[in-house]
Amino acid sequence: MQTEPARPPLGHREDIGGHHHIAVHRTENNGPSVVFLPGAGLVGLDYWNVHEHIASFASSLIYDRAGTGWSDDTVLPRTAEAVARELRQLLHATNASGPHLLVGHSLGAFYARRFAQLFPDEVAGLLLLDPGHEDILDHMPPEAAELNEQLKPDLDALPDLTDEQIEIARGQYRDIYSAWPDVLRDQLIDHHLTNWRTQLHEVVNLEGDVYNELRTGGALPDVPLTVLTAGGRNLYWAGFLTEEQMRRAHDGVTSLHTAMAASVPRGEHRILDGASHQYLHIEQRDAAATAVRDLLDRADGGPG
């Protein structure tokens, strides 16, 4: 259950109907709104660095979906359609100018694609940051699929973090969010240390309900799409896979992202060397911002 105070560190809580409140922060500029859809366990404030950087040339919106951050609590996990419809309610409630450029990271990429399937006329483009995909296991070595099953956690059996683990993590987070203003950084770190289980609960239905939704949801609209691949070493995999297995797994992800970009007429694939899955938008902020600008230019200019 979320234990955050009602007031978010940045922005406000928007009533999107039925006294259902979503934490949101917006900047206004010309053209389509850029909308960030966080990865599992992440919140809008995790993307503050890119959001602030692009505010000089584009309208931008960061938010916390229900059940995360400073938004109202809800039962997790959720369907991709529920998340997409909630986002649409938020965009309408805040009068965010559309069509929108959706920036989906990891789990958020599933939600961005589902939004595009459901509301194609409201999407100007898609930027997918190291996205997952329902066909991922078709591109991975067999041992990676086996490991995926073996490492699924028993959520009820996970112990709380120790004081020592919390202090170590706090120091690591301070380094990660070093560019954030102190007041935002401290509240964001406290949130992650308190609500770290949210990430695990959000993905419980990923390989079942969400995969099926995307498979049967129809084609994406003909809008510019860019897929950014985190090309750095996956430290989580390193604890379980050999170097050769890791190389093959990285190759599998790269081939999947290439196929995703090629699945639409105006798709493009870029690899961010050295970037990690969880924090590629922090480690390579400028590359992410450049991808946003390029997509906005392509959306305005039409095909090509």
Protein backbone atom coordinates (compact mmCIF):
# COMPACT_ATOMS: atom_id res chain seq x y z
CA MET A 1 0.00 0.00 0.00
CA GLN A 2 1.21 3.49 -0.78
CA THR A 3 2.07 5.60 2.24
CA GLU A 4 3.02 8.87 0.54
CA PRO A 5 1.64 12.26 1.64
CA ALA A 6 -1.12 13.69 -0.51
CA ARG A 7 1.03 16.51 -1.92
CA PRO A 8 3.62 15.39 -4.51
CA PRO A 9 7.13 16.91 -4.48
CA LEU A 10 6.47 18.49 -7.89
CA GLY A 11 3.23 19.42 -9.59
CA HIS A 12 -0.17 18.56 -8.16
CA ARG A 13 -2.76 15.81 -7.84
CA GLU A 14 -5.32 16.02 -10.64
CA ASP A 15 -8.87 14.73 -10.14
CA ILE A 16 -9.54 12.72 -13.30
CA GLY A 17 -13.10 11.86 -12.30
CA GLY A 18 -14.81 10.15 -9.41
CA HIS A 19 -12.39 11.66 -6.89
CA HIS A 20 -9.59 9.64 -8.47
CA HIS A 21 -6.37 11.64 -8.16
CA ILE A 22 -3.22 11.32 -10.26
CA ALA A 23 0.05 13.12 -9.48
CA VAL A 24 1.13 15.15 -12.51
CA HIS A 25 3.56 17.92 -13.47
CA ARG A 26 3.41 19.79 -16.79
CA THR A 27 5.37 22.38 -18.69
CA GLU A 28 3.83 24.21 -21.63
CA ASN A 29 5.41 24.90 -25.00
CA ASN A 30 4.49 24.53 -28.65
CA GLY A 31 3.54 21.36 -30.46
CA PRO A 32 2.47 17.92 -29.22
CA SER A 33 2.84 17.09 -25.55
CA VAL A 34 5.65 14.71 -24.61
CA VAL A 35 4.29 12.22 -22.06
CA PHE A 36 6.56 9.97 -19.96
CA LEU A 37 5.29 6.50 -19.01
CA PRO A 38 7.59 5.18 -16.24
CA GLY A 39 9.08 1.72 -15.98
CA ALA A 40 7.98 -0.73 -13.29
CA GLY A 41 8.38 0.75 -9.82
CA LEU A 42 9.48 4.11 -11.22
CA VAL A 43 7.51 7.36 -11.06
CA GLY A 44 7.29 10.56 -13.03
CA LEU A 45 9.97 12.24 -10.92
CA ASP A 46 12.48 9.62 -12.10
CA TYR A 47 12.34 11.36 -15.51
CA TRP A 48 12.70 14.91 -14.19
CA ASN A 49 16.11 15.32 -15.84
CA VAL A 50 14.87 14.66 -19.38
CA HIS A 51 11.58 16.44 -18.73
CA GLU A 52 13.39 19.62 -17.67
CA HIS A 53 15.82 19.41 -20.57
CA ILE A 54 13.15 19.22 -23.25
CA ALA A 55 10.92 21.86 -21.65
CA SER A 56 12.77 24.52 -23.66
CA PHE A 57 11.44 23.15 -26.95
CA ALA A 58 8.37 21.02 -26.16
CA SER A 59 5.43 20.67 -23.82
CA SER A 60 6.13 17.85 -21.39
CA LEU A 61 4.19 15.86 -18.82
CA ILE A 62 5.41 13.49 -16.11
CA TYR A 63 2.98 11.59 -13.92
CA ASP A 64 2.53 8.68 -11.52
CA ARG A 65 0.01 6.06 -12.60
CA ALA A 66 -2.43 4.88 -9.93
CA GLY A 67 -0.85 2.61 -7.35
CA THR A 68 2.53 4.31 -7.67
CA GLY A 69 4.23 7.44 -6.40
CA TRP A 70 1.94 10.19 -5.11
CA SER A 71 -1.18 9.09 -6.99
CA ASP A 72 -4.15 7.33 -5.41
CA ASP A 73 -3.63 3.75 -4.37
CA THR A 74 -5.11 0.88 -6.37
CA VAL A 75 -4.81 -2.88 -6.60
CA LEU A 76 -1.74 -4.07 -8.51
CA PRO A 77 -1.09 -5.45 -11.05
CA ARG A 78 -3.23 -3.70 -13.65
CA THR A 79 -4.08 -4.37 -17.26
CA ALA A 80 -2.39 -2.30 -19.93
CA GLU A 81 -5.79 -1.10 -21.09
CA ALA A 82 -6.66 0.19 -17.62
CA VAL A 83 -3.40 2.15 -17.49
CA ALA A 84 -3.92 3.53 -21.01
CA ARG A 85 -7.47 4.66 -20.31
CA GLU A 86 -6.40 6.29 -17.06
CA LEU A 87 -3.68 8.21 -18.90
CA ARG A 88 -6.19 9.36 -21.49
CA GLN A 89 -8.44 10.65 -18.70
CA LEU A 90 -5.49 12.54 -17.24
CA LEU A 91 -4.52 14.10 -20.57
CA HIS A 92 -8.08 15.28 -21.11
CA ALA A 93 -8.44 16.55 -17.52
CA THR A 94 -5.27 18.63 -17.80
CA ASN A 95 -6.05 19.85 -21.33
CA ALA A 96 -2.68 18.58 -22.53
CA SER A 97 -2.32 19.42 -26.19
CA GLY A 98 -2.38 16.45 -28.51
CA PRO A 99 -1.68 14.37 -30.37
CA HIS A 100 0.99 13.19 -27.93
CA LEU A 101 4.51 11.84 -28.18
CA LEU A 102 4.56 8.92 -25.74
CA VAL A 103 7.88 8.04 -24.10
CA GLY A 104 7.54 4.55 -22.60
CA HIS A 105 10.34 2.99 -20.55
CA SER A 106 10.49 -0.79 -20.00
CA LEU A 107 7.02 -1.72 -18.64
CA GLY A 108 5.87 1.76 -19.64
CA ALA A 109 6.59 0.85 -23.26
CA PHE A 110 3.86 -1.81 -23.10
CA TYR A 111 1.45 0.80 -21.79
CA ALA A 112 2.50 3.32 -24.47
CA ARG A 113 1.94 0.76 -27.23
CA ARG A 114 -1.45 -0.21 -25.77
CA PHE A 115 -2.46 3.47 -25.68
CA ALA A 116 -1.46 3.74 -29.34
CA GLN A 117 -3.49 0.64 -30.21
CA LEU A 118 -6.59 1.99 -28.45
CA PHE A 119 -6.33 5.67 -29.38
CA PRO A 120 -4.26 5.89 -32.59
CA ASP A 121 -5.52 9.36 -33.54
CA GLU A 122 -4.18 10.78 -30.26
CA VAL A 123 -0.58 9.66 -30.81
CA ALA A 124 2.01 11.74 -32.71
CA GLY A 125 4.93 9.37 -32.14
CA LEU A 126 6.45 6.74 -29.87
CA LEU A 127 9.81 6.67 -28.11
CA LEU A 128 10.44 3.29 -26.45
CA LEU A 129 13.30 3.20 -23.92
CA ASP A 130 14.79 -0.31 -23.73
CA PRO A 131 11.30 -1.78 -24.06
CA GLY A 132 10.11 -5.23 -23.23
CA HIS A 133 8.02 -7.14 -25.74
CA GLU A 134 5.61 -10.05 -25.69
CA ASP A 135 7.87 -12.02 -28.07
CA ILE A 136 11.07 -11.47 -26.10
CA LEU A 137 11.67 -15.14 -25.31
CA ASP A 138 11.65 -15.99 -29.02
CA HIS A 139 14.82 -13.88 -29.32
CA MET A 140 16.63 -15.12 -26.21
CA PRO A 141 18.86 -18.19 -25.69
CA PRO A 142 17.00 -21.13 -24.06
CA GLU A 143 18.90 -20.82 -20.79
CA ALA A 144 17.70 -17.21 -20.42
CA ALA A 145 14.09 -18.36 -20.61
CA GLU A 146 14.77 -21.06 -18.02
CA LEU A 147 16.47 -18.55 -15.74
CA ASN A 148 13.53 -16.19 -16.10
CA GLU A 149 11.28 -18.84 -14.58
CA GLN A 150 13.70 -19.77 -11.81
CA LEU A 151 14.21 -16.19 -10.61
CA LYS A 152 10.57 -15.16 -10.26
CA PRO A 153 10.32 -14.06 -6.62
CA ASP A 154 7.86 -15.26 -4.01
CA LEU A 155 6.47 -11.86 -3.10
CA ASP A 156 5.06 -13.04 0.23
CA ALA A 157 8.40 -14.48 1.31
CA LEU A 158 10.58 -11.45 0.61
CA PRO A 159 11.97 -9.93 3.84
CA ASP A 160 12.02 -6.22 4.56
CA LEU A 161 15.22 -4.32 3.86
CA THR A 162 17.66 -4.15 6.75
CA ASP A 163 18.91 -0.82 8.06
CA GLU A 164 22.28 -1.55 6.49
CA GLN A 165 20.71 -2.30 3.09
CA ILE A 166 18.69 0.90 3.28
CA GLU A 167 21.75 3.04 3.98
CA ILE A 168 23.75 1.41 1.18
CA ALA A 169 20.86 1.91 -1.24
CA ARG A 170 20.41 5.51 -0.11
CA GLY A 171 24.01 6.29 -0.99
CA GLN A 172 23.65 4.62 -4.39
CA TYR A 173 20.48 6.57 -5.10
CA ARG A 174 22.18 9.84 -4.16
CA ASP A 175 24.76 9.17 -6.87
CA ILE A 176 22.12 8.19 -9.43
CA TYR A 177 19.98 11.28 -8.78
CA SER A 178 22.85 13.69 -8.21
CA ALA A 179 21.48 16.14 -10.80
CA TRP A 180 18.11 16.43 -9.07
CA PRO A 181 17.45 19.41 -6.74
CA ASP A 182 17.99 18.38 -3.11
CA VAL A 183 14.34 18.55 -2.08
CA LEU A 184 13.19 16.45 -5.05
CA ARG A 185 16.05 13.97 -4.72
CA ASP A 186 15.47 13.30 -1.03
CA GLN A 187 11.74 12.69 -1.43
CA LEU A 188 12.28 10.50 -4.47
CA ILE A 189 14.86 8.38 -2.64
CA ASP A 190 12.60 8.01 0.40
CA HIS A 191 9.80 6.91 -1.90
CA HIS A 192 11.90 4.21 -3.55
CA LEU A 193 13.24 2.89 -0.26
CA THR A 194 9.74 2.69 1.19
CA ASN A 195 7.87 1.35 -1.83
CA TRP A 196 10.44 -0.93 -3.51
CA ARG A 197 7.93 -3.82 -3.63
CA THR A 198 5.74 -1.85 -6.07
CA GLN A 199 8.02 -2.81 -8.96
CA LEU A 200 7.47 -6.51 -8.25
CA HIS A 201 3.70 -6.18 -7.92
CA GLU A 202 3.34 -4.19 -11.15
CA VAL A 203 4.81 -6.96 -13.32
CA VAL A 204 2.98 -9.97 -11.86
CA ASN A 205 0.59 -10.10 -14.85
CA LEU A 206 3.13 -9.04 -17.48
CA GLU A 207 3.75 -12.41 -19.11
CA GLY A 208 0.06 -13.32 -19.04
CA ASP A 209 -2.53 -10.58 -19.33
CA VAL A 210 -0.34 -7.77 -20.68
CA TYR A 211 1.40 -9.93 -23.29
CA ASN A 212 -1.99 -11.17 -24.50
CA GLU A 213 -3.40 -7.64 -24.66
CA LEU A 214 -0.59 -6.48 -26.91
CA ARG A 215 -0.71 -9.58 -29.11
CA THR A 216 -4.43 -9.20 -29.79
CA GLY A 217 -4.69 -5.42 -29.61
CA GLY A 218 -4.05 -4.63 -33.27
CA ALA A 219 -1.36 -2.80 -35.19
CA LEU A 220 0.35 0.39 -34.13
CA PRO A 221 -0.60 3.59 -35.96
CA ASP A 222 1.62 4.87 -38.75
CA VAL A 223 3.54 7.38 -36.66
CA PRO A 224 7.30 7.87 -36.17
CA LEU A 225 8.73 5.38 -33.69
CA THR A 226 12.20 5.18 -32.17
CA VAL A 227 13.50 2.30 -30.06
CA LEU A 228 16.50 2.99 -27.81
CA THR A 229 18.46 -0.06 -26.66
CA ALA A 230 20.57 -0.01 -23.49
CA GLY A 231 23.88 -1.29 -24.81
CA GLY A 232 25.71 -1.53 -21.49
CA ARG A 233 26.48 -4.54 -19.33
CA ASN A 234 23.47 -5.96 -17.53
CA LEU A 235 24.66 -6.31 -13.94
CA TYR A 236 21.63 -8.39 -12.93
CA TRP A 237 22.30 -10.95 -15.66
CA ALA A 238 25.98 -10.99 -14.70
CA GLY A 239 25.10 -12.67 -11.42
CA PHE A 240 23.56 -15.67 -13.14
CA LEU A 241 24.79 -15.97 -16.74
CA THR A 242 28.18 -16.70 -18.23
CA GLU A 243 29.81 -14.07 -20.43
CA GLU A 244 28.83 -16.02 -23.53
CA GLN A 245 25.24 -16.37 -22.35
CA MET A 246 25.13 -12.65 -21.60
CA ARG A 247 26.43 -11.82 -25.06
CA ARG A 248 23.75 -13.98 -26.64
CA ALA A 249 21.06 -12.45 -24.44
CA HIS A 250 22.17 -8.92 -25.39
CA ASP A 251 22.17 -9.93 -29.04
CA GLY A 252 18.64 -11.25 -28.58
CA VAL A 253 17.41 -7.98 -27.11
CA THR A 254 19.08 -6.03 -29.90
CA SER A 255 17.48 -8.20 -32.58
CA LEU A 256 14.09 -7.81 -30.92
CA HIS A 257 14.40 -4.02 -30.82
CA THR A 258 15.50 -3.99 -34.45
CA ALA A 259 12.39 -5.97 -35.35
CA MET A 260 10.18 -3.63 -33.31
CA ALA A 261 11.49 -0.61 -35.18
CA ALA A 262 11.08 -2.37 -38.52
CA SER A 263 7.45 -3.28 -37.75
CA VAL A 264 6.22 0.22 -38.66
CA PRO A 265 6.93 2.34 -41.78
CA ARG A 266 8.75 5.10 -39.87
CA GLY A 267 10.59 3.06 -37.26
CA GLU A 268 14.18 3.68 -36.18
CA HIS A 269 16.50 1.79 -33.82
CA ARG A 270 19.37 3.34 -31.87
CA ILE A 271 21.79 1.67 -29.44
CA LEU A 272 23.06 3.64 -26.44
CA ASP A 273 26.48 2.18 -25.71
CA GLY A 274 27.22 1.83 -22.01
CA ALA A 275 23.66 2.60 -20.86
CA SER A 276 21.83 0.37 -18.36
CA HIS A 277 18.24 -0.78 -18.63
CA GLN A 278 16.94 0.94 -15.49
CA TYR A 279 18.75 4.26 -15.84
CA LEU A 280 19.53 4.82 -19.51
CA HIS A 281 17.53 8.07 -19.44
CA ILE A 282 19.77 9.32 -16.62
CA GLU A 283 23.09 8.02 -17.90
CA GLN A 284 22.41 9.32 -21.42
CA ARG A 285 19.96 12.16 -20.94
CA ASP A 286 21.10 14.03 -24.04
CA ALA A 287 20.57 11.00 -26.27
CA ALA A 288 17.05 10.57 -24.92
CA ALA A 289 16.28 14.26 -25.38
CA THR A 290 17.69 14.21 -28.92
CA ALA A 291 15.44 11.27 -29.76
CA VAL A 292 12.46 13.28 -28.48
CA ARG A 293 13.39 16.29 -30.61
CA ASP A 294 13.95 14.14 -33.70
CA LEU A 295 10.58 12.43 -33.28
CA LEU A 296 8.81 15.76 -32.90
CA ASP A 297 10.47 17.01 -36.08
CA ARG A 298 9.48 13.86 -37.95
CA ALA A 299 5.93 14.02 -36.61
CA ASP A 300 5.59 17.62 -37.84
CA GLY A 301 7.28 16.94 -41.15
CA GLY A 302 5.41 13.77 -42.07
CA PRO A 303 6.90 10.60 -43.57
CA GLY A 304 10.65 10.50 -43.95
